[in-house]
Amino acid sequence: MNLADIIGSIGVVILLIAFFLNLFGYLEKNNVWYSLLNIAGAALAGVASYLIPYWPFFVLEIIWTVVSIFGLIKALKN
């Protein structure tokens, strides 16, 4: 397992934790922690896809990170 695999795996695990917690009602989509988990997971997956390089996934993860940042800002305002 190389560095990109490790970073990407950690990122995907964080994203899946956020998804699980939201799906089963432990974290609402407007919760600060939900946004933070999505930001961290997507950013790490984005870094890994940059290191590979796999550009379609990189673009997806960067957009996911940016949208999650906007979600965090919205959650902090509420």
PDB file of N, CA and C in Angstrom:
ATOM      1  N   MET A   1       0.854  -1.169   0.000  1.00  0.00           N
ATOM      2  CA  MET A   1       0.000   0.000   0.000  1.00  0.00           C
ATOM      3  C   MET A   1       0.900   1.233   0.000  1.00  0.00           C
ATOM      4  N   ASN A   2       0.687   2.135  -0.949  1.00  0.00           N
ATOM      5  CA  ASN A   2       1.504   3.348  -1.016  1.00  0.00           C
ATOM      6  C   ASN A   2       0.811   4.506  -0.305  1.00  0.00           C
ATOM      7  N   LEU A   3       1.459   5.660  -0.293  1.00  0.00           N
ATOM      8  CA  LEU A   3       0.942   6.823   0.430  1.00  0.00           C
ATOM      9  C   LEU A   3      -0.425   7.259  -0.094  1.00  0.00           C
ATOM     10  N   ALA A   4      -0.595   7.279  -1.407  1.00  0.00           N
ATOM     11  CA  ALA A   4      -1.886   7.675  -1.978  1.00  0.00           C
ATOM     12  C   ALA A   4      -2.998   6.727  -1.534  1.00  0.00           C
ATOM     13  N   ASP A   5      -2.698   5.437  -1.476  1.00  0.00           N
ATOM     14  CA  ASP A   5      -3.689   4.455  -1.019  1.00  0.00           C
ATOM     15  C   ASP A   5      -4.076   4.699   0.438  1.00  0.00           C
ATOM     16  N   ILE A   6      -3.104   4.986   1.265  1.00  0.00           N
ATOM     17  CA  ILE A   6      -3.370   5.217   2.691  1.00  0.00           C
ATOM     18  C   ILE A   6      -4.212   6.473   2.874  1.00  0.00           C
ATOM     19  N   ILE A   7      -3.808   7.570   2.235  1.00  0.00           N
ATOM     20  CA  ILE A   7      -4.547   8.831   2.347  1.00  0.00           C
ATOM     21  C   ILE A   7      -5.964   8.656   1.818  1.00  0.00           C
ATOM     22  N   GLY A   8      -6.087   8.041   0.649  1.00  0.00           N
ATOM     23  CA  GLY A   8      -7.404   7.832   0.056  1.00  0.00           C
ATOM     24  C   GLY A   8      -8.291   6.941   0.903  1.00  0.00           C
ATOM     25  N   SER A   9      -7.721   5.899   1.467  1.00  0.00           N
ATOM     26  CA  SER A   9      -8.498   4.993   2.319  1.00  0.00           C
ATOM     27  C   SER A   9      -9.018   5.702   3.561  1.00  0.00           C
ATOM     28  N   ILE A  10      -8.183   6.506   4.185  1.00  0.00           N
ATOM     29  CA  ILE A  10      -8.619   7.266   5.359  1.00  0.00           C
ATOM     30  C   ILE A  10      -9.743   8.222   4.974  1.00  0.00           C
ATOM     31  N   GLY A  11      -9.576   8.910   3.847  1.00  0.00           N
ATOM     32  CA  GLY A  11     -10.608   9.833   3.384  1.00  0.00           C
ATOM     33  C   GLY A  11     -11.929   9.144   3.119  1.00  0.00           C
ATOM     34  N   VAL A  12     -11.881   8.006   2.455  1.00  0.00           N
ATOM     35  CA  VAL A  12     -13.111   7.271   2.144  1.00  0.00           C
ATOM     36  C   VAL A  12     -13.771   6.747   3.419  1.00  0.00           C
ATOM     37  N   VAL A  13     -12.984   6.277   4.367  1.00  0.00           N
ATOM     38  CA  VAL A  13     -13.551   5.817   5.638  1.00  0.00           C
ATOM     39  C   VAL A  13     -14.265   6.973   6.346  1.00  0.00           C
ATOM     40  N   ILE A  14     -13.660   8.148   6.362  1.00  0.00           N
ATOM     41  CA  ILE A  14     -14.291   9.310   6.996  1.00  0.00           C
ATOM     42  C   ILE A  14     -15.602   9.653   6.284  1.00  0.00           C
ATOM     43  N   LEU A  15     -15.612   9.636   4.956  1.00  0.00           N
ATOM     44  CA  LEU A  15     -16.840   9.909   4.202  1.00  0.00           C
ATOM     45  C   LEU A  15     -17.920   8.871   4.508  1.00  0.00           C
ATOM     46  N   LEU A  16     -17.531   7.617   4.599  1.00  0.00           N
ATOM     47  CA  LEU A  16     -18.501   6.568   4.901  1.00  0.00           C
ATOM     48  C   LEU A  16     -19.042   6.677   6.324  1.00  0.00           C
ATOM     49  N   ILE A  17     -18.215   7.102   7.253  1.00  0.00           N
ATOM     50  CA  ILE A  17     -18.684   7.327   8.626  1.00  0.00           C
ATOM     51  C   ILE A  17     -19.729   8.440   8.628  1.00  0.00           C
ATOM     52  N   ALA A  18     -19.447   9.533   7.924  1.00  0.00           N
ATOM     53  CA  ALA A  18     -20.413  10.635   7.848  1.00  0.00           C
ATOM     54  C   ALA A  18     -21.715  10.153   7.221  1.00  0.00           C
ATOM     55  N   PHE A  19     -21.621   9.384   6.151  1.00  0.00           N
ATOM     56  CA  PHE A  19     -22.800   8.860   5.477  1.00  0.00           C
ATOM     57  C   PHE A  19     -23.612   7.960   6.412  1.00  0.00           C
ATOM     58  N   PHE A  20     -22.949   7.039   7.098  1.00  0.00           N
ATOM     59  CA  PHE A  20     -23.607   6.138   8.035  1.00  0.00           C
ATOM     60  C   PHE A  20     -24.304   6.923   9.157  1.00  0.00           C
ATOM     61  N   LEU A  21     -23.581   7.848   9.759  1.00  0.00           N
ATOM     62  CA  LEU A  21     -24.146   8.621  10.866  1.00  0.00           C
ATOM     63  C   LEU A  21     -25.356   9.433  10.424  1.00  0.00           C
ATOM     64  N   ASN A  22     -25.316   9.968   9.210  1.00  0.00           N
ATOM     65  CA  ASN A  22     -26.456  10.716   8.685  1.00  0.00           C
ATOM     66  C   ASN A  22     -27.614   9.785   8.359  1.00  0.00           C
ATOM     67  N   LEU A  23     -27.338   8.694   7.705  1.00  0.00           N
ATOM     68  CA  LEU A  23     -28.379   7.765   7.263  1.00  0.00           C
ATOM     69  C   LEU A  23     -29.156   7.173   8.434  1.00  0.00           C
ATOM     70  N   PHE A  24     -28.464   6.911   9.535  1.00  0.00           N
ATOM     71  CA  PHE A  24     -29.114   6.311  10.690  1.00  0.00           C
ATOM     72  C   PHE A  24     -29.531   7.331  11.751  1.00  0.00           C
ATOM     73  N   GLY A  25     -29.492   8.624  11.405  1.00  0.00           N
ATOM     74  CA  GLY A  25     -30.054   9.659  12.249  1.00  0.00           C
ATOM     75  C   GLY A  25     -29.183  10.145  13.390  1.00  0.00           C
ATOM     76  N   TYR A  26     -27.899   9.803  13.389  1.00  0.00           N
ATOM     77  CA  TYR A  26     -27.015  10.273  14.450  1.00  0.00           C
ATOM     78  C   TYR A  26     -26.493  11.688  14.187  1.00  0.00           C
ATOM     79  N   LEU A  27     -26.384  12.065  12.917  1.00  0.00           N
ATOM     80  CA  LEU A  27     -25.952  13.415  12.533  1.00  0.00           C
ATOM     81  C   LEU A  27     -26.884  13.924  11.442  1.00  0.00           C
ATOM     82  N   GLU A  28     -27.434  15.084  11.661  1.00  0.00           N
ATOM     83  CA  GLU A  28     -28.267  15.710  10.636  1.00  0.00           C
ATOM     84  C   GLU A  28     -27.367  16.414   9.627  1.00  0.00           C
ATOM     85  N   LYS A  29     -27.886  16.667   8.446  1.00  0.00           N
ATOM     86  CA  LYS A  29     -27.081  17.295   7.395  1.00  0.00           C
ATOM     87  C   LYS A  29     -26.669  18.719   7.753  1.00  0.00           C
ATOM     88  N   ASN A  30     -27.382  19.370   8.660  1.00  0.00           N
ATOM     89  CA  ASN A  30     -27.024  20.732   9.055  1.00  0.00           C
ATOM     90  C   ASN A  30     -26.150  20.764  10.312  1.00  0.00           C
ATOM     91  N   ASN A  31     -25.647  19.616  10.735  1.00  0.00           N
ATOM     92  CA  ASN A  31     -24.773  19.519  11.895  1.00  0.00           C
ATOM     93  C   ASN A  31     -23.342  19.887  11.485  1.00  0.00           C
ATOM     94  N   VAL A  32     -22.673  20.656  12.325  1.00  0.00           N
ATOM     95  CA  VAL A  32     -21.298  21.085  12.050  1.00  0.00           C
ATOM     96  C   VAL A  32     -20.384  19.877  11.859  1.00  0.00           C
ATOM     97  N   TRP A  33     -20.539  18.850  12.679  1.00  0.00           N
ATOM     98  CA  TRP A  33     -19.677  17.669  12.586  1.00  0.00           C
ATOM     99  C   TRP A  33     -19.866  16.923  11.268  1.00  0.00           C
ATOM    100  N   TYR A  34     -21.087  16.904  10.757  1.00  0.00           N
ATOM    101  CA  TYR A  34     -21.341  16.265   9.467  1.00  0.00           C
ATOM    102  C   TYR A  34     -20.548  16.972   8.369  1.00  0.00           C
ATOM    103  N   SER A  35     -20.590  18.301   8.384  1.00  0.00           N
ATOM    104  CA  SER A  35     -19.839  19.072   7.388  1.00  0.00           C
ATOM    105  C   SER A  35     -18.338  18.881   7.556  1.00  0.00           C
ATOM    106  N   LEU A  36     -17.866  18.879   8.794  1.00  0.00           N
ATOM    107  CA  LEU A  36     -16.432  18.700   9.034  1.00  0.00           C
ATOM    108  C   LEU A  36     -15.946  17.327   8.569  1.00  0.00           C
ATOM    109  N   LEU A  37     -16.735  16.297   8.822  1.00  0.00           N
ATOM    110  CA  LEU A  37     -16.367  14.959   8.350  1.00  0.00           C
ATOM    111  C   LEU A  37     -16.318  14.912   6.828  1.00  0.00           C
ATOM    112  N   ASN A  38     -17.292  15.544   6.180  1.00  0.00           N
ATOM    113  CA  ASN A  38     -17.302  15.577   4.720  1.00  0.00           C
ATOM    114  C   ASN A  38     -16.119  16.369   4.164  1.00  0.00           C
ATOM    115  N   ILE A  39     -15.793  17.478   4.788  1.00  0.00           N
ATOM    116  CA  ILE A  39     -14.644  18.275   4.341  1.00  0.00           C
ATOM    117  C   ILE A  39     -13.359  17.462   4.469  1.00  0.00           C
ATOM    118  N   ALA A  40     -13.152  16.864   5.630  1.00  0.00           N
ATOM    119  CA  ALA A  40     -11.920  16.093   5.861  1.00  0.00           C
ATOM    120  C   ALA A  40     -11.824  14.894   4.916  1.00  0.00           C
ATOM    121  N   GLY A  41     -12.908  14.149   4.814  1.00  0.00           N
ATOM    122  CA  GLY A  41     -12.894  12.965   3.969  1.00  0.00           C
ATOM    123  C   GLY A  41     -12.699  13.284   2.500  1.00  0.00           C
ATOM    124  N   ALA A  42     -13.436  14.272   2.009  1.00  0.00           N
ATOM    125  CA  ALA A  42     -13.326  14.643   0.597  1.00  0.00           C
ATOM    126  C   ALA A  42     -11.960  15.252   0.291  1.00  0.00           C
ATOM    127  N   ALA A  43     -11.434  16.041   1.208  1.00  0.00           N
ATOM    128  CA  ALA A  43     -10.122  16.644   0.980  1.00  0.00           C
ATOM    129  C   ALA A  43      -9.037  15.567   0.910  1.00  0.00           C
ATOM    130  N   LEU A  44      -9.087  14.609   1.819  1.00  0.00           N
ATOM    131  CA  LEU A  44      -8.096  13.530   1.796  1.00  0.00           C
ATOM    132  C   LEU A  44      -8.235  12.671   0.535  1.00  0.00           C
ATOM    133  N   ALA A  45      -9.458  12.358   0.154  1.00  0.00           N
ATOM    134  CA  ALA A  45      -9.668  11.588  -1.075  1.00  0.00           C
ATOM    135  C   ALA A  45      -9.205  12.390  -2.287  1.00  0.00           C
ATOM    136  N   GLY A  46      -9.396  13.706  -2.243  1.00  0.00           N
ATOM    137  CA  GLY A  46      -8.927  14.570  -3.328  1.00  0.00           C
ATOM    138  C   GLY A  46      -7.412  14.588  -3.432  1.00  0.00           C
ATOM    139  N   VAL A  47      -6.746  14.649  -2.301  1.00  0.00           N
ATOM    140  CA  VAL A  47      -5.280  14.610  -2.300  1.00  0.00           C
ATOM    141  C   VAL A  47      -4.795  13.285  -2.883  1.00  0.00           C
ATOM    142  N   ALA A  48      -5.415  12.205  -2.467  1.00  0.00           N
ATOM    143  CA  ALA A  48      -5.023  10.888  -2.977  1.00  0.00           C
ATOM    144  C   ALA A  48      -5.236  10.793  -4.481  1.00  0.00           C
ATOM    145  N   SER A  49      -6.360  11.315  -4.966  1.00  0.00           N
ATOM    146  CA  SER A  49      -6.618  11.236  -6.408  1.00  0.00           C
ATOM    147  C   SER A  49      -5.676  12.144  -7.194  1.00  0.00           C
ATOM    148  N   TYR A  50      -5.207  13.213  -6.581  1.00  0.00           N
ATOM    149  CA  TYR A  50      -4.199  14.072  -7.216  1.00  0.00           C
ATOM    150  C   TYR A  50      -2.859  13.326  -7.310  1.00  0.00           C
ATOM    151  N   LEU A  51      -2.523  12.589  -6.263  1.00  0.00           N
ATOM    152  CA  LEU A  51      -1.254  11.867  -6.240  1.00  0.00           C
ATOM    153  C   LEU A  51      -1.214  10.709  -7.241  1.00  0.00           C
ATOM    154  N   ILE A  52      -2.380  10.177  -7.594  1.00  0.00           N
ATOM    155  CA  ILE A  52      -2.397   8.990  -8.460  1.00  0.00           C
ATOM    156  C   ILE A  52      -1.899   9.271  -9.867  1.00  0.00           C
ATOM    157  N   PRO A  53      -2.206  10.207 -10.639  1.00  0.00           N
ATOM    158  CA  PRO A  53      -3.305  11.170 -10.713  1.00  0.00           C
ATOM    159  C   PRO A  53      -4.533  10.581 -11.436  1.00  0.00           C
ATOM    160  N   TYR A  54      -5.698  10.820 -10.838  1.00  0.00           N
ATOM    161  CA  TYR A  54      -6.968  10.400 -11.442  1.00  0.00           C
ATOM    162  C   TYR A  54      -7.891  11.611 -11.406  1.00  0.00           C
ATOM    163  N   TRP A  55      -7.887  12.349 -12.498  1.00  0.00           N
ATOM    164  CA  TRP A  55      -8.501  13.679 -12.546  1.00  0.00           C
ATOM    165  C   TRP A  55     -10.016  13.708 -12.367  1.00  0.00           C
ATOM    166  N   PRO A  56     -10.793  12.773 -12.901  1.00  0.00           N
ATOM    167  CA  PRO A  56     -12.244  12.844 -12.663  1.00  0.00           C
ATOM    168  C   PRO A  56     -12.586  12.769 -11.171  1.00  0.00           C
ATOM    169  N   PHE A  57     -11.932  11.889 -10.453  1.00  0.00           N
ATOM    170  CA  PHE A  57     -12.174  11.760  -9.019  1.00  0.00           C
ATOM    171  C   PHE A  57     -11.645  12.977  -8.269  1.00  0.00           C
ATOM    172  N   PHE A  58     -10.530  13.530  -8.718  1.00  0.00           N
ATOM    173  CA  PHE A  58      -9.984  14.745  -8.109  1.00  0.00           C
ATOM    174  C   PHE A  58     -10.999  15.882  -8.193  1.00  0.00           C
ATOM    175  N   VAL A  59     -11.580  16.075  -9.378  1.00  0.00           N
ATOM    176  CA  VAL A  59     -12.583  17.142  -9.563  1.00  0.00           C
ATOM    177  C   VAL A  59     -13.787  16.889  -8.663  1.00  0.00           C
ATOM    178  N   LEU A  60     -14.268  15.645  -8.619  1.00  0.00           N
ATOM    179  CA  LEU A  60     -15.395  15.297  -7.756  1.00  0.00           C
ATOM    180  C   LEU A  60     -15.110  15.649  -6.303  1.00  0.00           C
ATOM    181  N   GLU A  61     -13.956  15.263  -5.816  1.00  0.00           N
ATOM    182  CA  GLU A  61     -13.625  15.480  -4.406  1.00  0.00           C
ATOM    183  C   GLU A  61     -13.396  16.954  -4.070  1.00  0.00           C
ATOM    184  N   ILE A  62     -12.829  17.708  -4.990  1.00  0.00           N
ATOM    185  CA  ILE A  62     -12.648  19.144  -4.750  1.00  0.00           C
ATOM    186  C   ILE A  62     -14.013  19.831  -4.672  1.00  0.00           C
ATOM    187  N   ILE A  63     -14.910  19.467  -5.584  1.00  0.00           N
ATOM    188  CA  ILE A  63     -16.259  20.047  -5.544  1.00  0.00           C
ATOM    189  C   ILE A  63     -16.967  19.623  -4.261  1.00  0.00           C
ATOM    190  N   TRP A  64     -16.833  18.371  -3.865  1.00  0.00           N
ATOM    191  CA  TRP A  64     -17.427  17.877  -2.627  1.00  0.00           C
ATOM    192  C   TRP A  64     -16.888  18.660  -1.428  1.00  0.00           C
ATOM    193  N   THR A  65     -15.603  18.931  -1.420  1.00  0.00           N
ATOM    194  CA  THR A  65     -14.996  19.705  -0.336  1.00  0.00           C
ATOM    195  C   THR A  65     -15.548  21.119  -0.289  1.00  0.00           C
ATOM    196  N   VAL A  66     -15.614  21.779  -1.448  1.00  0.00           N
ATOM    197  CA  VAL A  66     -16.105  23.164  -1.504  1.00  0.00           C
ATOM    198  C   VAL A  66     -17.567  23.241  -1.072  1.00  0.00           C
ATOM    199  N   VAL A  67     -18.393  22.339  -1.563  1.00  0.00           N
ATOM    200  CA  VAL A  67     -19.811  22.330  -1.175  1.00  0.00           C
ATOM    201  C   VAL A  67     -19.944  22.081   0.323  1.00  0.00           C
ATOM    202  N   SER A  68     -19.124  21.198   0.870  1.00  0.00           N
ATOM    203  CA  SER A  68     -19.166  20.927   2.307  1.00  0.00           C
ATOM    204  C   SER A  68     -18.719  22.128   3.125  1.00  0.00           C
ATOM    205  N   ILE A  69     -17.796  22.905   2.598  1.00  0.00           N
ATOM    206  CA  ILE A  69     -17.391  24.139   3.278  1.00  0.00           C
ATOM    207  C   ILE A  69     -18.564  25.112   3.343  1.00  0.00           C
ATOM    208  N   PHE A  70     -19.309  25.228   2.236  1.00  0.00           N
ATOM    209  CA  PHE A  70     -20.511  26.071   2.263  1.00  0.00           C
ATOM    210  C   PHE A  70     -21.532  25.532   3.259  1.00  0.00           C
ATOM    211  N   GLY A  71     -21.658  24.201   3.333  1.00  0.00           N
ATOM    212  CA  GLY A  71     -22.551  23.599   4.337  1.00  0.00           C
ATOM    213  C   GLY A  71     -22.108  23.903   5.743  1.00  0.00           C
ATOM    214  N   LEU A  72     -20.809  23.907   5.979  1.00  0.00           N
ATOM    215  CA  LEU A  72     -20.282  24.234   7.306  1.00  0.00           C
ATOM    216  C   LEU A  72     -20.586  25.694   7.651  1.00  0.00           C
ATOM    217  N   ILE A  73     -20.389  26.573   6.711  1.00  0.00           N
ATOM    218  CA  ILE A  73     -20.690  28.000   6.939  1.00  0.00           C
ATOM    219  C   ILE A  73     -22.166  28.172   7.292  1.00  0.00           C
ATOM    220  N   LYS A  74     -23.037  27.495   6.546  1.00  0.00           N
ATOM    221  CA  LYS A  74     -24.484  27.560   6.821  1.00  0.00           C
ATOM    222  C   LYS A  74     -24.800  27.019   8.202  1.00  0.00           C
ATOM    223  N   ALA A  75     -24.174  25.891   8.565  1.00  0.00           N
ATOM    224  CA  ALA A  75     -24.418  25.290   9.879  1.00  0.00           C
ATOM    225  C   ALA A  75     -23.936  26.207  11.005  1.00  0.00           C
ATOM    226  N   LEU A  76     -22.810  26.879  10.791  1.00  0.00           N
ATOM    227  CA  LEU A  76     -22.286  27.789  11.821  1.00  0.00           C
ATOM    228  C   LEU A  76     -23.165  29.021  12.006  1.00  0.00           C
ATOM    229  N   LYS A  77     -23.801  29.453  10.911  1.00  0.00           N
ATOM    230  CA  LYS A  77     -24.694  30.611  11.001  1.00  0.00           C
ATOM    231  C   LYS A  77     -25.954  30.279  11.791  1.00  0.00           C
ATOM    232  N   ASN A  78     -26.382  29.011  11.747  1.00  0.00           N
ATOM    233  CA  ASN A  78     -27.590  28.598  12.474  1.00  0.00           C
ATOM    234  C   ASN A  78     -27.197  28.238  13.868  1.00  0.00           C
TER     235      ASN A  78
END
